[in-house]
Amino acid sequence: MSTETNTNRRAALGTLTKLGLGTAALGLMGNSALAAPAKNIDAAVLNFALNLEYLEAAFYLAAVGRLNEVRAIGGGAEIKLPAGLDGNVGMQFKDSTIQAFARDIAEDELTHVKFLHAALGKSAVARPVIDLGMAFDSAGQAASGGKIKGFNPYANELFFLHGAFIFEDVGVTAYNGAATLITNPAFLQAAAGILAVEAYHAGAIRTLLYQQRQVTAAAGLYVGQVVGAISALRAKVGGGKDAGLSDNAGAIIAPADKNGVAYGRSTNEVLNIVYLGGKGKGGFFPNGLNGAIK
């Protein structure tokens, strides 16, 4: 392990200790996990976040050929992939910048899963069944009015960015919306830190897509049109809070309200999106989430 990596780990450990989360939260020392949050609502909210992190980690790790690393956490529930994709080989990247971003985000999402799973200890929910195959096909058809069929986010880099866009803004709004429910200041600060990382991810994906907004994506639709359709679909089922890549004033890097404050979504609004409008299950979680909030 490099000196730089050791330094980064020591810095992270110091921060977590100050937060009262301890070394077990990152699995850096010993085998004992951090005691579950004292308040049931805290455990429920963090497990809700853990479900979403399982999904994001699976999406990115499959792209970079590291899917088994999240399969090893939270039980043996199935992670469904598009036909022809081996999550241990990953997709073929031609653009080194997009590949570098995918690898970095994959590492962050895996670390989020490890962190929340260890922080919750015995209260951590098992990983639910995750669908990265048919769910994307359904999302593509819904967003394009049936013009795009068989959408596979791993088919090429542009489709990968579209798939990432579906998740990233949702993660930001989910953490923002759930923040008011957390009662423990230490866990609130940790959640705020994860939210900040998710916001960086969302901004990066939006930037990469904006640069290609006038490129034809599929079925004669431009990237900007496809992303706008995804945004409109999320807004329809997710509380009307969303934004495409641009408006009359220009680019939109951070979707926010009139005060420049990032949107927050309720847990029900987030569930409506990840279930693709299903009631209690469906979409990316065909059997529903695990935990109290599902």
Protein backbone atom coordinates (compact mmCIF):
# COMPACT_ATOMS: atom_id res chain seq x y z
CA MET A 1 0.00 0.00 0.00
CA SER A 2 1.36 3.44 -0.93
CA THR A 3 2.35 6.12 1.58
CA GLU A 4 -0.34 8.36 0.11
CA THR A 5 -3.01 5.70 0.66
CA ASN A 6 -1.90 5.17 4.24
CA THR A 7 -2.02 8.91 4.86
CA ASN A 8 -5.52 9.13 3.40
CA ARG A 9 -6.74 6.23 5.53
CA ARG A 10 -5.26 7.79 8.69
CA ALA A 11 -6.96 11.09 7.85
CA ALA A 12 -10.29 9.35 7.28
CA LEU A 13 -9.92 7.38 10.50
CA GLY A 14 -9.21 10.56 12.44
CA THR A 15 -12.31 12.21 11.03
CA LEU A 16 -14.50 9.23 11.87
CA THR A 17 -13.14 9.09 15.40
CA LYS A 18 -14.06 12.74 15.88
CA LEU A 19 -17.54 11.91 14.61
CA GLY A 20 -17.82 9.18 17.20
CA LEU A 21 -18.14 6.47 14.56
CA GLY A 22 -14.97 4.61 15.50
CA THR A 23 -12.57 2.48 13.50
CA ALA A 24 -14.98 -0.40 13.03
CA ALA A 25 -17.11 1.76 10.76
CA LEU A 26 -14.53 1.36 8.02
CA GLY A 27 -13.36 -2.08 9.06
CA LEU A 28 -9.85 -0.76 9.60
CA MET A 29 -9.28 -2.50 12.92
CA GLY A 30 -10.66 -5.47 14.79
CA ASN A 31 -13.75 -7.49 14.03
CA SER A 32 -16.35 -5.71 16.14
CA ALA A 33 -18.87 -3.49 14.38
CA LEU A 34 -20.12 -0.16 15.66
CA ALA A 35 -23.25 -0.45 17.80
CA ALA A 36 -26.44 0.31 15.92
CA PRO A 37 -27.82 3.85 16.23
CA ALA A 38 -29.73 4.32 19.46
CA LYS A 39 -32.84 5.72 17.77
CA ASN A 40 -34.87 3.41 15.54
CA ILE A 41 -35.43 6.23 13.06
CA ASP A 42 -31.66 6.64 12.62
CA ALA A 43 -31.23 2.95 11.85
CA ALA A 44 -34.19 3.05 9.46
CA VAL A 45 -32.82 6.06 7.56
CA LEU A 46 -29.28 4.68 7.35
CA ASN A 47 -30.59 1.32 6.12
CA PHE A 48 -32.66 3.16 3.51
CA ALA A 49 -29.42 4.81 2.39
CA LEU A 50 -27.63 1.45 2.46
CA ASN A 51 -30.18 -0.03 0.04
CA LEU A 52 -29.52 2.81 -2.41
CA GLU A 53 -25.77 2.45 -1.99
CA TYR A 54 -26.02 -1.28 -2.75
CA LEU A 55 -27.69 -0.30 -6.05
CA GLU A 56 -25.20 2.40 -7.01
CA ALA A 57 -22.21 0.26 -6.05
CA ALA A 58 -23.52 -2.66 -8.12
CA PHE A 59 -24.09 -0.40 -11.14
CA TYR A 60 -20.57 1.06 -11.16
CA LEU A 61 -18.70 -2.04 -10.03
CA ALA A 62 -20.31 -4.07 -12.83
CA ALA A 63 -19.01 -1.48 -15.30
CA VAL A 64 -15.42 -1.79 -14.10
CA GLY A 65 -15.38 -5.57 -13.56
CA ARG A 66 -15.48 -5.60 -9.76
CA LEU A 67 -19.06 -6.73 -9.09
CA ASN A 68 -17.97 -9.58 -6.80
CA GLU A 69 -16.77 -7.01 -4.28
CA VAL A 70 -20.30 -5.87 -3.52
CA ARG A 71 -21.66 -9.39 -3.90
CA ALA A 72 -19.49 -10.26 -0.90
CA ILE A 73 -21.36 -7.77 1.30
CA GLY A 74 -24.88 -8.10 2.63
CA GLY A 75 -25.78 -11.63 1.62
CA GLY A 76 -26.28 -13.55 -1.58
CA ALA A 77 -29.29 -11.85 -3.18
CA GLU A 78 -29.20 -11.84 -6.97
CA ILE A 79 -27.83 -8.93 -8.97
CA LYS A 80 -29.38 -9.17 -12.43
CA LEU A 81 -27.27 -7.95 -15.35
CA PRO A 82 -27.98 -7.28 -19.04
CA ALA A 83 -27.37 -10.26 -21.32
CA GLY A 84 -23.73 -10.65 -22.28
CA LEU A 85 -22.27 -8.62 -19.41
CA ASP A 86 -19.88 -10.30 -17.01
CA GLY A 87 -19.62 -8.12 -13.91
CA ASN A 88 -16.15 -9.49 -13.30
CA VAL A 89 -14.84 -8.33 -16.68
CA GLY A 90 -16.79 -5.12 -17.10
CA MET A 91 -17.59 -3.04 -20.14
CA GLN A 92 -15.17 -1.85 -22.79
CA PHE A 93 -14.19 1.78 -22.36
CA LYS A 94 -12.71 3.76 -25.23
CA ASP A 95 -12.57 7.12 -23.47
CA SER A 96 -9.94 7.14 -20.72
CA THR A 97 -11.61 10.06 -18.93
CA ILE A 98 -14.95 8.31 -18.60
CA GLN A 99 -13.19 5.13 -17.52
CA ALA A 100 -11.25 7.03 -14.85
CA PHE A 101 -14.46 8.61 -13.56
CA ALA A 102 -16.22 5.23 -13.52
CA ARG A 103 -13.41 3.63 -11.54
CA ASP A 104 -13.29 6.45 -9.00
CA ILE A 105 -17.06 6.55 -8.48
CA ALA A 106 -17.15 2.73 -8.19
CA GLU A 107 -14.58 2.90 -5.40
CA ASP A 108 -16.56 5.62 -3.60
CA GLU A 109 -19.83 3.71 -3.80
CA LEU A 110 -18.23 0.49 -2.57
CA THR A 111 -16.74 2.40 0.36
CA HIS A 112 -20.16 3.89 1.16
CA VAL A 113 -21.61 0.38 1.33
CA LYS A 114 -18.81 -0.85 3.58
CA PHE A 115 -19.07 2.22 5.80
CA LEU A 116 -22.85 2.07 6.31
CA HIS A 117 -22.89 -1.71 6.67
CA ALA A 118 -20.21 -1.63 9.37
CA ALA A 119 -21.67 1.43 11.10
CA LEU A 120 -25.07 -0.28 11.41
CA GLY A 121 -23.50 -3.53 12.62
CA LYS A 122 -26.10 -6.20 13.33
CA SER A 123 -28.83 -3.76 12.37
CA ALA A 124 -27.62 -3.58 8.75
CA VAL A 125 -30.15 -4.92 6.26
CA ALA A 126 -29.23 -7.61 3.76
CA ARG A 127 -28.66 -6.59 0.16
CA PRO A 128 -31.96 -6.85 -1.75
CA VAL A 129 -32.36 -8.30 -5.24
CA ILE A 130 -31.09 -5.70 -7.70
CA ASP A 131 -32.05 -5.53 -11.38
CA LEU A 132 -29.60 -3.80 -13.73
CA GLY A 133 -31.06 -5.47 -16.81
CA MET A 134 -34.81 -5.30 -17.48
CA ALA A 135 -35.15 -2.25 -15.21
CA PHE A 136 -32.96 -0.18 -17.52
CA ASP A 137 -34.89 -1.43 -20.54
CA SER A 138 -38.14 -0.34 -18.88
CA ALA A 139 -36.67 3.02 -17.90
CA GLY A 140 -35.41 3.61 -21.44
CA GLN A 141 -38.78 2.84 -22.98
CA ALA A 142 -40.64 4.99 -20.46
CA ALA A 143 -38.32 7.97 -20.94
CA SER A 144 -38.38 7.78 -24.75
CA GLY A 145 -42.05 7.05 -25.23
CA GLY A 146 -41.19 3.56 -26.45
CA LYS A 147 -38.64 4.73 -29.04
CA ILE A 148 -35.65 3.26 -27.21
CA LYS A 149 -35.99 -0.47 -26.59
CA GLY A 150 -33.50 -2.83 -25.01
CA PHE A 151 -31.55 0.01 -23.38
CA ASN A 152 -28.30 -1.36 -21.91
CA PRO A 153 -26.15 1.15 -20.00
CA TYR A 154 -23.08 -1.02 -20.53
CA ALA A 155 -23.37 -1.15 -24.33
CA ASN A 156 -21.24 1.97 -24.78
CA GLU A 157 -19.90 4.92 -22.84
CA LEU A 158 -22.70 7.30 -23.79
CA PHE A 159 -25.34 4.85 -22.60
CA PHE A 160 -23.30 4.33 -19.43
CA LEU A 161 -23.47 8.05 -18.70
CA HIS A 162 -27.25 7.97 -19.25
CA GLY A 163 -27.53 5.09 -16.78
CA ALA A 164 -25.42 6.95 -14.25
CA PHE A 165 -27.61 10.05 -14.66
CA ILE A 166 -30.65 8.04 -13.62
CA PHE A 167 -29.07 7.34 -10.22
CA GLU A 168 -26.83 10.25 -9.32
CA ASP A 169 -29.33 13.07 -8.85
CA VAL A 170 -31.61 10.65 -7.01
CA GLY A 171 -28.87 9.87 -4.49
CA VAL A 172 -28.29 13.56 -3.78
CA THR A 173 -31.98 14.33 -3.29
CA ALA A 174 -32.47 11.21 -1.17
CA TYR A 175 -29.74 12.13 1.32
CA ASN A 176 -30.90 15.74 1.37
CA GLY A 177 -34.50 14.78 2.02
CA ALA A 178 -33.67 12.21 4.71
CA ALA A 179 -31.26 14.47 6.59
CA THR A 180 -34.01 16.03 8.71
CA LEU A 181 -35.04 12.58 9.97
CA ILE A 182 -31.65 11.73 11.55
CA THR A 183 -31.46 12.51 15.29
CA ASN A 184 -27.82 11.63 16.05
CA PRO A 185 -25.49 14.55 15.10
CA ALA A 186 -22.59 12.18 14.39
CA PHE A 187 -24.60 10.17 11.89
CA LEU A 188 -26.07 13.34 10.42
CA GLN A 189 -22.58 14.68 9.73
CA ALA A 190 -21.51 11.38 8.19
CA ALA A 191 -24.61 11.40 5.95
CA ALA A 192 -23.84 15.00 4.96
CA GLY A 193 -20.34 13.92 3.96
CA ILE A 194 -21.72 11.14 1.77
CA LEU A 195 -24.22 13.58 0.25
CA ALA A 196 -21.34 15.88 -0.71
CA VAL A 197 -19.54 13.03 -2.49
CA GLU A 198 -22.73 12.04 -4.31
CA ALA A 199 -23.15 15.67 -5.40
CA TYR A 200 -19.62 15.64 -6.86
CA HIS A 201 -20.52 12.46 -8.75
CA ALA A 202 -23.76 13.97 -10.08
CA GLY A 203 -21.99 17.14 -11.21
CA ALA A 204 -19.32 15.12 -13.01
CA ILE A 205 -21.88 12.99 -14.86
CA ARG A 206 -23.89 16.07 -15.82
CA THR A 207 -20.77 17.78 -17.12
CA LEU A 208 -19.79 14.81 -19.29
CA LEU A 209 -23.32 14.59 -20.68
CA TYR A 210 -23.59 18.34 -21.29
CA GLN A 211 -20.45 18.20 -23.41
CA GLN A 212 -22.23 15.66 -25.64
CA ARG A 213 -25.75 17.09 -25.41
CA GLN A 214 -26.07 17.53 -29.19
CA VAL A 215 -24.74 14.07 -30.06
CA THR A 216 -27.30 11.55 -31.31
CA ALA A 217 -27.83 8.96 -28.59
CA ALA A 218 -30.41 6.50 -29.94
CA ALA A 219 -33.60 6.35 -32.02
CA GLY A 220 -32.77 9.71 -33.56
CA LEU A 221 -32.82 11.44 -30.16
CA TYR A 222 -30.07 13.77 -29.01
CA VAL A 223 -28.34 13.27 -25.66
CA GLY A 224 -29.97 16.44 -24.33
CA GLN A 225 -33.41 15.12 -25.32
CA VAL A 226 -32.86 11.73 -23.69
CA VAL A 227 -31.56 13.27 -20.47
CA GLY A 228 -34.45 15.73 -20.47
CA ALA A 229 -36.89 12.86 -20.85
CA ILE A 230 -35.28 10.98 -17.95
CA SER A 231 -35.48 14.12 -15.85
CA ALA A 232 -39.15 14.63 -16.75
CA LEU A 233 -39.94 11.02 -15.86
CA ARG A 234 -38.22 11.37 -12.48
CA ALA A 235 -40.06 14.62 -11.83
CA LYS A 236 -43.40 12.99 -12.68
CA VAL A 237 -43.04 10.27 -10.04
CA GLY A 238 -40.57 12.00 -7.71
CA GLY A 239 -42.35 15.10 -6.51
CA GLY A 240 -41.78 17.37 -9.51
CA LYS A 241 -38.21 18.15 -8.41
CA ASP A 242 -35.74 17.71 -11.23
CA ALA A 243 -33.87 19.37 -14.06
CA GLY A 244 -32.34 18.40 -17.38
CA LEU A 245 -28.94 19.49 -18.66
CA SER A 246 -29.91 23.04 -19.59
CA ASP A 247 -32.57 25.73 -19.59
CA ASN A 248 -33.00 29.14 -21.21
CA ALA A 249 -30.16 30.50 -19.08
CA GLY A 250 -27.69 27.79 -20.12
CA ALA A 251 -26.17 24.71 -18.46
CA ILE A 252 -27.57 23.15 -15.29
CA ILE A 253 -24.78 21.50 -13.30
CA ALA A 254 -26.59 21.50 -9.94
CA PRO A 255 -30.38 21.06 -10.03
CA ALA A 256 -31.69 23.41 -7.37
CA ASP A 257 -34.69 25.52 -6.38
CA LYS A 258 -35.02 29.28 -6.85
CA ASN A 259 -32.79 29.84 -3.82
CA GLY A 260 -29.99 27.74 -5.23
CA VAL A 261 -30.70 24.98 -2.70
CA ALA A 262 -30.41 21.38 -3.89
CA TYR A 263 -33.70 19.55 -4.12
CA GLY A 264 -34.62 17.12 -1.38
CA ARG A 265 -36.98 14.21 -1.87
CA SER A 266 -39.05 12.30 0.65
CA THR A 267 -38.40 8.59 1.01
CA ASN A 268 -41.68 7.88 -0.82
CA GLU A 269 -40.63 10.07 -3.74
CA VAL A 270 -37.28 8.29 -3.97
CA LEU A 271 -39.00 4.91 -3.84
CA ASN A 272 -41.35 5.94 -6.67
CA ILE A 273 -38.28 6.56 -8.84
CA VAL A 274 -36.23 3.44 -8.06
CA TYR A 275 -39.36 1.27 -8.28
CA LEU A 276 -40.11 2.96 -11.66
CA GLY A 277 -43.57 3.81 -10.42
CA GLY A 278 -44.24 0.39 -8.92
CA LYS A 279 -46.04 0.11 -5.60
CA GLY A 280 -43.84 -1.38 -2.90
CA LYS A 281 -41.46 -3.03 -5.36
CA GLY A 282 -40.34 -3.07 -8.96
CA GLY A 283 -37.83 -1.40 -11.23
CA PHE A 284 -34.31 -1.64 -9.90
CA PHE A 285 -35.57 -3.44 -6.76
CA PRO A 286 -37.94 -6.09 -8.13
CA ASN A 287 -38.68 -7.47 -4.64
CA GLY A 288 -38.54 -4.10 -2.89
CA LEU A 289 -36.00 -2.63 -0.47
CA ASN A 290 -35.07 -4.26 2.81
CA GLY A 291 -35.65 -2.49 6.11
CA ALA A 292 -38.34 -0.33 7.71
CA ILE A 293 -38.51 2.19 4.84
CA LYS A 294 -39.53 0.32 1.71
